Amino acid sequence: MKNPSRPRKRYLQRDNTGSLPSGEPVFLAVGRIRRPHGVRGEMVMDLLTHFPERLVPGRQLYVGESHQPVRIRSARPALQAMLIAFEGYEDRDQVAGFRNQYLYVRADELPPLPEGEYYHHQLLGLRVFDLHGNLLGVLSEILETGANDVYVVQSEKGSEVLLPVIEGVILEVDLDSHCLIVNPPEWL
């Protein structure tokens, strides 16, 4: 089960049922602007998305906590970051205020994923049950380990259970019911 988008959970506003507030657009972080680069309005951006190929000229993004709309003028790879520029921002002084700001996309603008694959923001906040219907807690974080992801489930008492995202452990994802059915390994 792949989870390709890496939103920062602090930007998701879920209640304790795992539901998003109705009517509010959800913004997912796709990058963090570090600093201006050169004199023509380019900026160095750390990538927070698995899909940098979607950051193309003409794409609408939102900057900072105020979600100021901007449109990409140019984007190109630069070592382990990206150089990005916005339409209407042509020099270093104009983009200096974007330093250390996050860049967002709207969640409702994301393309659908293949069957059985989910964005992280769809899973965070789901209630997690074992095979017997016992509530284990709420999925609070997703750790990317390289081999497979690990779900961090936080119980009502504050303890955590770590579940590897592998076949036989994660049995069912039901987004409509806001729940996840798991079969925890015996060693847990």
N, C-alpha and C. Protein backbone atom coordinates (compact mmCIF):
# COMPACT_ATOMS: atom_id res chain seq x y z
N MET A 1 0.84 -1.16 0.00
CA MET A 1 0.00 0.00 0.00
C MET A 1 0.90 1.23 0.00
N LYS A 2 0.82 2.02 -1.03
CA LYS A 2 1.67 3.19 -1.15
C LYS A 2 0.94 4.42 -0.63
N ASN A 3 1.69 5.36 -0.09
CA ASN A 3 1.15 6.62 0.40
C ASN A 3 2.01 7.74 -0.13
N PRO A 4 1.72 8.26 -1.35
CA PRO A 4 2.67 9.12 -2.03
C PRO A 4 2.76 10.56 -1.56
N SER A 5 1.79 11.12 -0.92
CA SER A 5 1.87 12.53 -0.56
C SER A 5 2.29 12.68 0.89
N ARG A 6 3.18 13.64 1.16
CA ARG A 6 3.70 13.81 2.50
C ARG A 6 3.21 15.12 3.12
N PRO A 7 1.91 15.24 3.43
CA PRO A 7 1.48 16.47 4.04
C PRO A 7 1.97 16.54 5.48
N ARG A 8 2.09 17.70 6.00
CA ARG A 8 2.44 17.88 7.39
C ARG A 8 1.15 17.89 8.19
N LYS A 9 1.03 16.98 9.16
CA LYS A 9 -0.25 16.79 9.84
C LYS A 9 -0.72 18.01 10.58
N ARG A 10 0.17 18.95 10.93
CA ARG A 10 -0.28 20.13 11.64
C ARG A 10 -1.15 21.02 10.78
N TYR A 11 -1.15 20.82 9.47
CA TYR A 11 -1.97 21.64 8.60
C TYR A 11 -3.33 21.03 8.35
N LEU A 12 -3.54 19.84 8.82
CA LEU A 12 -4.84 19.21 8.71
C LEU A 12 -5.61 19.47 9.99
N GLN A 13 -6.82 19.93 9.85
CA GLN A 13 -7.60 20.25 11.03
C GLN A 13 -8.72 19.22 11.18
N ARG A 14 -8.42 18.15 11.86
CA ARG A 14 -9.40 17.09 12.07
C ARG A 14 -9.92 17.17 13.50
N ASP A 15 -11.15 16.73 13.65
CA ASP A 15 -11.64 16.60 15.02
C ASP A 15 -11.32 15.18 15.48
N ASN A 16 -11.78 14.78 16.67
CA ASN A 16 -11.40 13.48 17.19
C ASN A 16 -12.11 12.32 16.50
N THR A 17 -13.00 12.60 15.55
CA THR A 17 -13.65 11.52 14.81
C THR A 17 -12.92 11.20 13.52
N GLY A 18 -11.91 12.00 13.18
CA GLY A 18 -11.19 11.79 11.94
C GLY A 18 -11.80 12.54 10.78
N SER A 19 -12.81 13.38 11.04
CA SER A 19 -13.47 14.11 9.98
C SER A 19 -12.85 15.49 9.80
N LEU A 20 -12.85 15.94 8.56
CA LEU A 20 -12.40 17.29 8.27
C LEU A 20 -13.56 18.25 8.45
N PRO A 21 -13.29 19.51 8.82
CA PRO A 21 -14.38 20.47 8.93
C PRO A 21 -15.04 20.66 7.56
N SER A 22 -16.35 20.72 7.56
CA SER A 22 -17.04 20.83 6.27
C SER A 22 -16.90 22.24 5.71
N GLY A 23 -16.80 22.31 4.40
CA GLY A 23 -16.74 23.59 3.72
C GLY A 23 -15.37 24.24 3.68
N GLU A 24 -14.45 23.81 4.50
CA GLU A 24 -13.11 24.40 4.55
C GLU A 24 -12.20 23.68 3.56
N PRO A 25 -11.52 24.45 2.67
CA PRO A 25 -10.55 23.77 1.81
C PRO A 25 -9.37 23.28 2.63
N VAL A 26 -8.84 22.15 2.25
CA VAL A 26 -7.68 21.58 2.93
C VAL A 26 -6.47 21.84 2.06
N PHE A 27 -5.42 22.39 2.66
CA PHE A 27 -4.19 22.68 1.95
C PHE A 27 -3.11 21.72 2.40
N LEU A 28 -2.36 21.19 1.44
CA LEU A 28 -1.29 20.24 1.73
C LEU A 28 0.04 20.87 1.32
N ALA A 29 1.02 20.79 2.20
CA ALA A 29 2.33 21.36 1.92
C ALA A 29 3.05 20.52 0.87
N VAL A 30 3.58 21.18 -0.16
CA VAL A 30 4.34 20.51 -1.20
C VAL A 30 5.78 21.00 -1.24
N GLY A 31 6.06 22.09 -0.51
CA GLY A 31 7.42 22.63 -0.50
C GLY A 31 7.59 23.68 0.58
N ARG A 32 8.85 24.01 0.84
CA ARG A 32 9.18 25.08 1.79
C ARG A 32 10.25 25.94 1.13
N ILE A 33 9.94 27.21 0.99
CA ILE A 33 10.87 28.14 0.37
C ILE A 33 11.97 28.46 1.38
N ARG A 34 13.21 28.31 0.95
CA ARG A 34 14.33 28.61 1.85
C ARG A 34 14.82 30.03 1.69
N ARG A 35 15.12 30.44 0.45
CA ARG A 35 15.71 31.76 0.26
C ARG A 35 15.67 32.13 -1.22
N PRO A 36 15.83 33.43 -1.52
CA PRO A 36 15.95 33.83 -2.93
C PRO A 36 17.23 33.27 -3.54
N HIS A 37 17.20 33.09 -4.86
CA HIS A 37 18.36 32.58 -5.61
C HIS A 37 18.54 33.47 -6.83
N GLY A 38 19.66 34.15 -6.91
CA GLY A 38 19.91 35.04 -8.04
C GLY A 38 19.14 36.33 -7.90
N VAL A 39 19.01 37.05 -9.00
CA VAL A 39 18.39 38.38 -8.96
C VAL A 39 17.09 38.46 -9.75
N ARG A 40 16.62 37.35 -10.32
CA ARG A 40 15.43 37.39 -11.18
C ARG A 40 14.19 36.76 -10.56
N GLY A 41 14.15 36.68 -9.23
CA GLY A 41 12.94 36.21 -8.57
C GLY A 41 12.86 34.71 -8.32
N GLU A 42 13.92 33.98 -8.62
CA GLU A 42 13.91 32.55 -8.31
C GLU A 42 14.17 32.34 -6.82
N MET A 43 13.67 31.22 -6.30
CA MET A 43 13.86 30.86 -4.90
C MET A 43 14.25 29.40 -4.80
N VAL A 44 15.04 29.07 -3.78
CA VAL A 44 15.37 27.68 -3.49
C VAL A 44 14.24 27.12 -2.64
N MET A 45 13.72 25.96 -3.04
CA MET A 45 12.60 25.34 -2.34
C MET A 45 12.93 23.89 -2.00
N ASP A 46 12.72 23.51 -0.73
CA ASP A 46 12.80 22.11 -0.33
C ASP A 46 11.51 21.43 -0.75
N LEU A 47 11.61 20.25 -1.34
CA LEU A 47 10.43 19.51 -1.78
C LEU A 47 9.83 18.71 -0.63
N LEU A 48 8.52 18.75 -0.51
CA LEU A 48 7.79 17.96 0.48
C LEU A 48 6.75 17.08 -0.20
N THR A 49 6.94 16.83 -1.49
CA THR A 49 6.01 16.02 -2.26
C THR A 49 6.76 14.93 -2.99
N HIS A 50 6.08 13.85 -3.26
CA HIS A 50 6.64 12.78 -4.07
C HIS A 50 6.40 13.02 -5.56
N PHE A 51 5.69 14.11 -5.88
CA PHE A 51 5.33 14.39 -7.26
C PHE A 51 5.85 15.76 -7.71
N PRO A 52 7.17 15.98 -7.72
CA PRO A 52 7.67 17.28 -8.16
C PRO A 52 7.35 17.57 -9.63
N GLU A 53 7.09 16.55 -10.41
CA GLU A 53 6.77 16.76 -11.82
C GLU A 53 5.45 17.50 -12.01
N ARG A 54 4.64 17.60 -10.96
CA ARG A 54 3.38 18.34 -11.03
C ARG A 54 3.57 19.84 -10.79
N LEU A 55 4.77 20.24 -10.37
CA LEU A 55 5.05 21.65 -10.13
C LEU A 55 5.57 22.25 -11.43
N VAL A 56 4.65 22.63 -12.29
CA VAL A 56 4.98 23.09 -13.63
C VAL A 56 4.50 24.53 -13.82
N PRO A 57 5.09 25.24 -14.79
CA PRO A 57 4.62 26.60 -15.07
C PRO A 57 3.11 26.63 -15.31
N GLY A 58 2.48 27.63 -14.72
CA GLY A 58 1.03 27.79 -14.82
C GLY A 58 0.26 27.18 -13.66
N ARG A 59 0.88 26.33 -12.87
CA ARG A 59 0.20 25.66 -11.74
C ARG A 59 -0.04 26.65 -10.61
N GLN A 60 -1.23 26.64 -10.06
CA GLN A 60 -1.60 27.49 -8.93
C GLN A 60 -1.10 26.86 -7.64
N LEU A 61 -0.41 27.66 -6.82
CA LEU A 61 0.04 27.25 -5.49
C LEU A 61 -0.42 28.32 -4.51
N TYR A 62 -0.23 28.03 -3.23
CA TYR A 62 -0.63 28.96 -2.17
C TYR A 62 0.55 29.08 -1.20
N VAL A 63 0.90 30.32 -0.85
CA VAL A 63 2.08 30.59 -0.02
C VAL A 63 1.66 30.96 1.39
N GLY A 64 2.33 30.36 2.38
CA GLY A 64 2.19 30.75 3.78
C GLY A 64 0.87 30.38 4.41
N GLU A 65 0.75 30.73 5.69
CA GLU A 65 -0.46 30.42 6.45
C GLU A 65 -1.68 31.16 5.93
N SER A 66 -1.46 32.28 5.24
CA SER A 66 -2.58 33.03 4.66
C SER A 66 -3.03 32.45 3.33
N HIS A 67 -2.27 31.49 2.80
CA HIS A 67 -2.56 30.81 1.54
C HIS A 67 -2.71 31.80 0.39
N GLN A 68 -1.75 32.71 0.28
CA GLN A 68 -1.72 33.69 -0.81
C GLN A 68 -1.55 32.96 -2.13
N PRO A 69 -2.50 33.14 -3.07
CA PRO A 69 -2.38 32.43 -4.35
C PRO A 69 -1.24 33.00 -5.21
N VAL A 70 -0.48 32.10 -5.82
CA VAL A 70 0.59 32.44 -6.75
C VAL A 70 0.56 31.41 -7.88
N ARG A 71 1.11 31.79 -9.02
CA ARG A 71 1.17 30.88 -10.16
C ARG A 71 2.64 30.68 -10.52
N ILE A 72 3.02 29.43 -10.78
CA ILE A 72 4.41 29.11 -11.08
C ILE A 72 4.80 29.70 -12.45
N ARG A 73 5.88 30.46 -12.47
CA ARG A 73 6.47 30.97 -13.71
C ARG A 73 7.49 29.99 -14.26
N SER A 74 8.32 29.44 -13.36
CA SER A 74 9.31 28.44 -13.76
C SER A 74 9.64 27.55 -12.57
N ALA A 75 10.06 26.34 -12.87
CA ALA A 75 10.47 25.39 -11.83
C ALA A 75 11.49 24.44 -12.45
N ARG A 76 12.60 24.25 -11.74
CA ARG A 76 13.63 23.34 -12.26
C ARG A 76 14.38 22.71 -11.10
N PRO A 77 14.86 21.48 -11.29
CA PRO A 77 15.60 20.80 -10.22
C PRO A 77 16.92 21.49 -9.94
N ALA A 78 17.35 21.42 -8.68
CA ALA A 78 18.64 21.98 -8.25
C ALA A 78 19.16 21.13 -7.11
N LEU A 79 20.06 20.20 -7.41
CA LEU A 79 20.59 19.26 -6.42
C LEU A 79 19.45 18.56 -5.72
N GLN A 80 19.31 18.71 -4.41
CA GLN A 80 18.24 18.02 -3.68
C GLN A 80 17.08 18.96 -3.39
N ALA A 81 16.98 20.04 -4.14
CA ALA A 81 15.91 21.02 -3.96
C ALA A 81 15.35 21.35 -5.34
N MET A 82 14.61 22.45 -5.41
CA MET A 82 14.06 22.93 -6.66
C MET A 82 14.20 24.44 -6.68
N LEU A 83 14.45 25.00 -7.85
CA LEU A 83 14.43 26.44 -8.03
C LEU A 83 13.08 26.78 -8.64
N ILE A 84 12.35 27.70 -7.98
CA ILE A 84 11.00 28.02 -8.40
C ILE A 84 10.84 29.53 -8.47
N ALA A 85 10.02 29.99 -9.42
CA ALA A 85 9.72 31.42 -9.56
C ALA A 85 8.22 31.56 -9.84
N PHE A 86 7.65 32.68 -9.41
CA PHE A 86 6.22 32.92 -9.57
C PHE A 86 5.97 34.05 -10.56
N GLU A 87 4.85 33.96 -11.27
CA GLU A 87 4.45 35.02 -12.18
C GLU A 87 4.24 36.31 -11.39
N GLY A 88 4.72 37.42 -11.94
CA GLY A 88 4.55 38.72 -11.30
C GLY A 88 5.61 39.06 -10.26
N TYR A 89 6.52 38.14 -10.02
CA TYR A 89 7.62 38.37 -9.06
C TYR A 89 8.92 38.22 -9.85
N GLU A 90 9.47 39.34 -10.25
CA GLU A 90 10.58 39.32 -11.21
C GLU A 90 11.94 39.59 -10.60
N ASP A 91 12.02 40.00 -9.32
CA ASP A 91 13.35 40.27 -8.76
C ASP A 91 13.46 39.78 -7.32
N ARG A 92 14.67 39.74 -6.88
CA ARG A 92 15.04 39.22 -5.56
C ARG A 92 14.28 39.92 -4.42
N ASP A 93 14.14 41.23 -4.50
CA ASP A 93 13.46 41.98 -3.44
C ASP A 93 11.99 41.61 -3.32
N GLN A 94 11.34 41.33 -4.43
CA GLN A 94 9.93 40.97 -4.40
C GLN A 94 9.67 39.63 -3.73
N VAL A 95 10.63 38.71 -3.81
CA VAL A 95 10.41 37.37 -3.25
C VAL A 95 11.04 37.19 -1.87
N ALA A 96 11.74 38.18 -1.37
CA ALA A 96 12.42 38.06 -0.08
C ALA A 96 11.42 37.72 1.04
N GLY A 97 10.22 38.22 0.96
CA GLY A 97 9.20 37.95 1.99
C GLY A 97 8.68 36.53 2.01
N PHE A 98 8.99 35.75 0.98
CA PHE A 98 8.56 34.35 0.92
C PHE A 98 9.51 33.41 1.66
N ARG A 99 10.63 33.94 2.14
CA ARG A 99 11.62 33.12 2.84
C ARG A 99 10.98 32.35 3.99
N ASN A 100 11.30 31.06 4.09
CA ASN A 100 10.82 30.17 5.15
C ASN A 100 9.31 29.96 5.17
N GLN A 101 8.65 30.20 4.06
CA GLN A 101 7.20 29.98 3.96
C GLN A 101 6.95 28.62 3.30
N TYR A 102 5.85 27.99 3.67
CA TYR A 102 5.45 26.74 3.03
C TYR A 102 4.62 27.03 1.79
N LEU A 103 4.73 26.16 0.81
CA LEU A 103 3.91 26.22 -0.40
C LEU A 103 2.90 25.09 -0.34
N TYR A 104 1.67 25.40 -0.71
CA TYR A 104 0.58 24.44 -0.59
C TYR A 104 -0.14 24.23 -1.92
N VAL A 105 -0.81 23.09 -2.02
CA VAL A 105 -1.81 22.83 -3.05
C VAL A 105 -3.11 22.52 -2.32
N ARG A 106 -4.20 22.69 -3.01
CA ARG A 106 -5.49 22.31 -2.41
C ARG A 106 -5.68 20.80 -2.56
N ALA A 107 -6.14 20.16 -1.51
CA ALA A 107 -6.33 18.70 -1.54
C ALA A 107 -7.37 18.30 -2.58
N ASP A 108 -8.38 19.14 -2.79
CA ASP A 108 -9.42 18.77 -3.75
C ASP A 108 -8.95 18.90 -5.20
N GLU A 109 -7.73 19.40 -5.42
CA GLU A 109 -7.17 19.49 -6.76
C GLU A 109 -6.21 18.34 -7.08
N LEU A 110 -6.01 17.43 -6.12
CA LEU A 110 -5.11 16.30 -6.35
C LEU A 110 -5.74 15.28 -7.28
N PRO A 111 -4.95 14.68 -8.15
CA PRO A 111 -5.51 13.64 -9.02
C PRO A 111 -5.81 12.38 -8.23
N PRO A 112 -6.80 11.62 -8.67
CA PRO A 112 -7.11 10.38 -7.96
C PRO A 112 -5.97 9.37 -8.10
N LEU A 113 -5.85 8.52 -7.10
CA LEU A 113 -4.83 7.48 -7.10
C LEU A 113 -5.45 6.15 -7.54
N PRO A 114 -4.63 5.20 -7.95
CA PRO A 114 -5.16 3.88 -8.29
C PRO A 114 -5.81 3.21 -7.07
N GLU A 115 -6.65 2.27 -7.34
CA GLU A 115 -7.35 1.49 -6.30
C GLU A 115 -6.35 0.95 -5.28
N GLY A 116 -6.64 1.13 -4.00
CA GLY A 116 -5.79 0.59 -2.94
C GLY A 116 -4.65 1.50 -2.54
N GLU A 117 -4.50 2.66 -3.17
CA GLU A 117 -3.47 3.62 -2.79
C GLU A 117 -4.15 4.87 -2.22
N TYR A 118 -3.49 5.49 -1.23
CA TYR A 118 -4.09 6.61 -0.52
C TYR A 118 -3.06 7.69 -0.27
N TYR A 119 -3.53 8.94 -0.27
CA TYR A 119 -2.69 10.04 0.18
C TYR A 119 -2.64 10.01 1.70
N HIS A 120 -1.55 10.46 2.27
CA HIS A 120 -1.42 10.47 3.73
C HIS A 120 -2.56 11.24 4.39
N HIS A 121 -2.93 12.37 3.83
CA HIS A 121 -3.97 13.18 4.47
C HIS A 121 -5.32 12.45 4.53
N GLN A 122 -5.53 11.46 3.66
CA GLN A 122 -6.77 10.68 3.71
C GLN A 122 -6.76 9.70 4.88
N LEU A 123 -5.57 9.31 5.32
CA LEU A 123 -5.45 8.28 6.36
C LEU A 123 -5.29 8.85 7.76
N LEU A 124 -4.61 9.98 7.87
CA LEU A 124 -4.38 10.57 9.19
C LEU A 124 -5.72 10.89 9.85
N GLY A 125 -5.86 10.49 11.09
CA GLY A 125 -7.10 10.73 11.83
C GLY A 125 -8.08 9.57 11.78
N LEU A 126 -7.81 8.54 10.97
CA LEU A 126 -8.72 7.40 10.94
C LEU A 126 -8.67 6.64 12.27
N ARG A 127 -9.82 6.13 12.70
CA ARG A 127 -9.87 5.27 13.88
C ARG A 127 -9.38 3.89 13.47
N VAL A 128 -8.56 3.28 14.32
CA VAL A 128 -7.94 1.99 14.00
C VAL A 128 -8.52 0.92 14.92
N PHE A 129 -9.06 -0.14 14.29
CA PHE A 129 -9.67 -1.25 15.02
C PHE A 129 -8.92 -2.53 14.70
N ASP A 130 -8.89 -3.46 15.68
CA ASP A 130 -8.34 -4.78 15.40
C ASP A 130 -9.44 -5.67 14.83
N LEU A 131 -9.11 -6.93 14.54
CA LEU A 131 -10.06 -7.86 13.94
C LEU A 131 -11.29 -8.12 14.80
N HIS A 132 -11.18 -7.91 16.11
CA HIS A 132 -12.28 -8.18 17.04
C HIS A 132 -13.12 -6.94 17.30
N GLY A 133 -12.83 -5.84 16.61
CA GLY A 133 -13.60 -4.62 16.78
C GLY A 133 -13.13 -3.74 17.91
N ASN A 134 -12.00 -4.07 18.53
CA ASN A 134 -11.47 -3.24 19.61
C ASN A 134 -10.78 -2.01 19.03
N LEU A 135 -11.12 -0.85 19.58
CA LEU A 135 -10.49 0.39 19.14
C LEU A 135 -9.07 0.46 19.69
N LEU A 136 -8.09 0.53 18.78
CA LEU A 136 -6.69 0.64 19.20
C LEU A 136 -6.28 2.10 19.37
N GLY A 137 -6.94 2.99 18.64
CA GLY A 137 -6.63 4.41 18.72
C GLY A 137 -6.88 5.08 17.39
N VAL A 138 -6.16 6.18 17.19
CA VAL A 138 -6.30 6.99 15.99
C VAL A 138 -4.95 7.06 15.28
N LEU A 139 -4.97 6.93 13.96
CA LEU A 139 -3.75 7.04 13.18
C LEU A 139 -3.27 8.48 13.25
N SER A 140 -2.15 8.70 13.94
CA SER A 140 -1.68 10.06 14.20
C SER A 140 -0.50 10.49 13.34
N GLU A 141 0.24 9.51 12.81
CA GLU A 141 1.43 9.85 12.03
C GLU A 141 1.78 8.68 11.13
N ILE A 142 2.44 8.99 10.01
CA ILE A 142 2.92 7.96 9.10
C ILE A 142 4.42 8.17 8.92
N LEU A 143 5.18 7.15 9.30
CA LEU A 143 6.63 7.22 9.19
C LEU A 143 7.06 6.53 7.90
N GLU A 144 7.91 7.19 7.13
CA GLU A 144 8.43 6.59 5.90
C GLU A 144 9.81 6.03 6.21
N THR A 145 9.94 4.71 6.16
CA THR A 145 11.18 4.06 6.57
C THR A 145 12.04 3.59 5.41
N GLY A 146 11.51 3.59 4.23
CA GLY A 146 12.25 3.09 3.07
C GLY A 146 11.73 1.74 2.64
N ALA A 147 11.73 0.77 3.53
CA ALA A 147 11.23 -0.56 3.19
C ALA A 147 9.71 -0.54 3.09
N ASN A 148 9.06 -0.03 4.10
CA ASN A 148 7.61 0.13 4.12
C ASN A 148 7.28 1.24 5.11
N ASP A 149 6.12 1.84 4.93
CA ASP A 149 5.69 2.86 5.88
C ASP A 149 5.32 2.19 7.20
N VAL A 150 5.27 3.01 8.25
CA VAL A 150 4.84 2.56 9.57
C VAL A 150 3.77 3.51 10.06
N TYR A 151 2.62 2.97 10.46
CA TYR A 151 1.55 3.78 11.00
C TYR A 151 1.73 3.91 12.51
N VAL A 152 1.65 5.14 13.00
CA VAL A 152 1.70 5.41 14.43
C VAL A 152 0.27 5.60 14.89
N VAL A 153 -0.18 4.69 15.76
CA VAL A 153 -1.54 4.73 16.28
C VAL A 153 -1.49 5.16 17.73
N GLN A 154 -2.19 6.24 18.05
CA GLN A 154 -2.19 6.76 19.41
C GLN A 154 -3.51 6.40 20.09
N SER A 155 -3.38 5.74 21.27
CA SER A 155 -4.57 5.34 22.01
C SER A 155 -5.12 6.53 22.79
N GLU A 156 -6.32 6.37 23.33
CA GLU A 156 -6.93 7.43 24.15
C GLU A 156 -6.10 7.72 25.39
N LYS A 157 -5.36 6.73 25.88
CA LYS A 157 -4.52 6.90 27.07
C LYS A 157 -3.18 7.53 26.74
N GLY A 158 -2.88 7.75 25.45
CA GLY A 158 -1.64 8.39 25.06
C GLY A 158 -0.53 7.45 24.64
N SER A 159 -0.72 6.15 24.78
CA SER A 159 0.32 5.21 24.35
C SER A 159 0.29 5.08 22.83
N GLU A 160 1.40 4.64 22.25
CA GLU A 160 1.50 4.49 20.81
C GLU A 160 1.73 3.05 20.41
N VAL A 161 1.16 2.66 19.31
CA VAL A 161 1.40 1.36 18.69
C VAL A 161 1.93 1.64 17.30
N LEU A 162 3.01 0.98 16.92
CA LEU A 162 3.59 1.12 15.60
C LEU A 162 3.20 -0.08 14.75
N LEU A 163 2.56 0.17 13.63
CA LEU A 163 2.10 -0.90 12.76
C LEU A 163 2.81 -0.81 11.41
N PRO A 164 3.52 -1.86 11.00
CA PRO A 164 4.14 -1.84 9.67
C PRO A 164 3.05 -1.93 8.60
N VAL A 165 3.20 -1.17 7.55
CA VAL A 165 2.23 -1.19 6.45
C VAL A 165 2.66 -2.30 5.49
N ILE A 166 2.23 -3.51 5.86
CA ILE A 166 2.54 -4.69 5.05
C ILE A 166 1.28 -5.54 4.94
N GLU A 167 1.27 -6.39 3.94
CA GLU A 167 0.14 -7.29 3.75
C GLU A 167 -0.01 -8.18 4.97
N GLY A 168 -1.22 -8.39 5.39
CA GLY A 168 -1.50 -9.20 6.56
C GLY A 168 -1.64 -8.39 7.84
N VAL A 169 -1.11 -7.17 7.87
CA VAL A 169 -1.26 -6.30 9.04
C VAL A 169 -2.33 -5.25 8.78
N ILE A 170 -2.25 -4.57 7.65
CA ILE A 170 -3.27 -3.58 7.28
C ILE A 170 -4.27 -4.32 6.40
N LEU A 171 -5.47 -4.55 6.93
CA LEU A 171 -6.43 -5.39 6.23
C LEU A 171 -7.44 -4.61 5.40
N GLU A 172 -7.93 -3.48 5.94
CA GLU A 172 -8.98 -2.75 5.25
C GLU A 172 -8.90 -1.27 5.59
N VAL A 173 -9.04 -0.46 4.57
CA VAL A 173 -9.14 0.99 4.73
C VAL A 173 -10.53 1.38 4.28
N ASP A 174 -11.30 1.98 5.17
CA ASP A 174 -12.66 2.41 4.86
C ASP A 174 -12.75 3.90 5.10
N LEU A 175 -12.52 4.68 4.05
CA LEU A 175 -12.54 6.13 4.18
C LEU A 175 -13.93 6.66 4.50
N ASP A 176 -14.97 5.99 3.97
CA ASP A 176 -16.33 6.44 4.23
C ASP A 176 -16.70 6.33 5.71
N SER A 177 -16.21 5.28 6.38
CA SER A 177 -16.50 5.07 7.81
C SER A 177 -15.40 5.64 8.70
N HIS A 178 -14.38 6.23 8.10
CA HIS A 178 -13.24 6.81 8.84
C HIS A 178 -12.57 5.78 9.74
N CYS A 179 -12.37 4.56 9.20
CA CYS A 179 -11.72 3.54 10.04
C CYS A 179 -10.76 2.68 9.23
N LEU A 180 -9.89 2.05 9.98
CA LEU A 180 -8.85 1.19 9.45
C LEU A 180 -8.91 -0.10 10.25
N ILE A 181 -8.97 -1.24 9.57
CA ILE A 181 -9.00 -2.54 10.24
C ILE A 181 -7.62 -3.16 10.10
N VAL A 182 -7.04 -3.58 11.23
CA VAL A 182 -5.69 -4.12 11.22
C VAL A 182 -5.62 -5.44 11.97
N ASN A 183 -4.58 -6.18 11.68
CA ASN A 183 -4.26 -7.42 12.39
C ASN A 183 -2.85 -7.24 12.93
N PRO A 184 -2.73 -6.69 14.15
CA PRO A 184 -1.38 -6.41 14.69
C PRO A 184 -0.56 -7.69 14.80
N PRO A 185 0.74 -7.61 14.47
CA PRO A 185 1.59 -8.79 14.61
C PRO A 185 1.61 -9.24 16.07
N GLU A 186 1.80 -10.53 16.28
CA GLU A 186 1.80 -11.09 17.64
C GLU A 186 2.88 -10.48 18.53
N TRP A 187 4.01 -10.07 17.94
CA TRP A 187 5.09 -9.52 18.73
C TRP A 187 4.79 -8.13 19.26
N LEU A 188 3.66 -7.52 18.82
CA LEU A 188 3.27 -6.24 19.40
C LEU A 188 2.54 -6.53 20.67
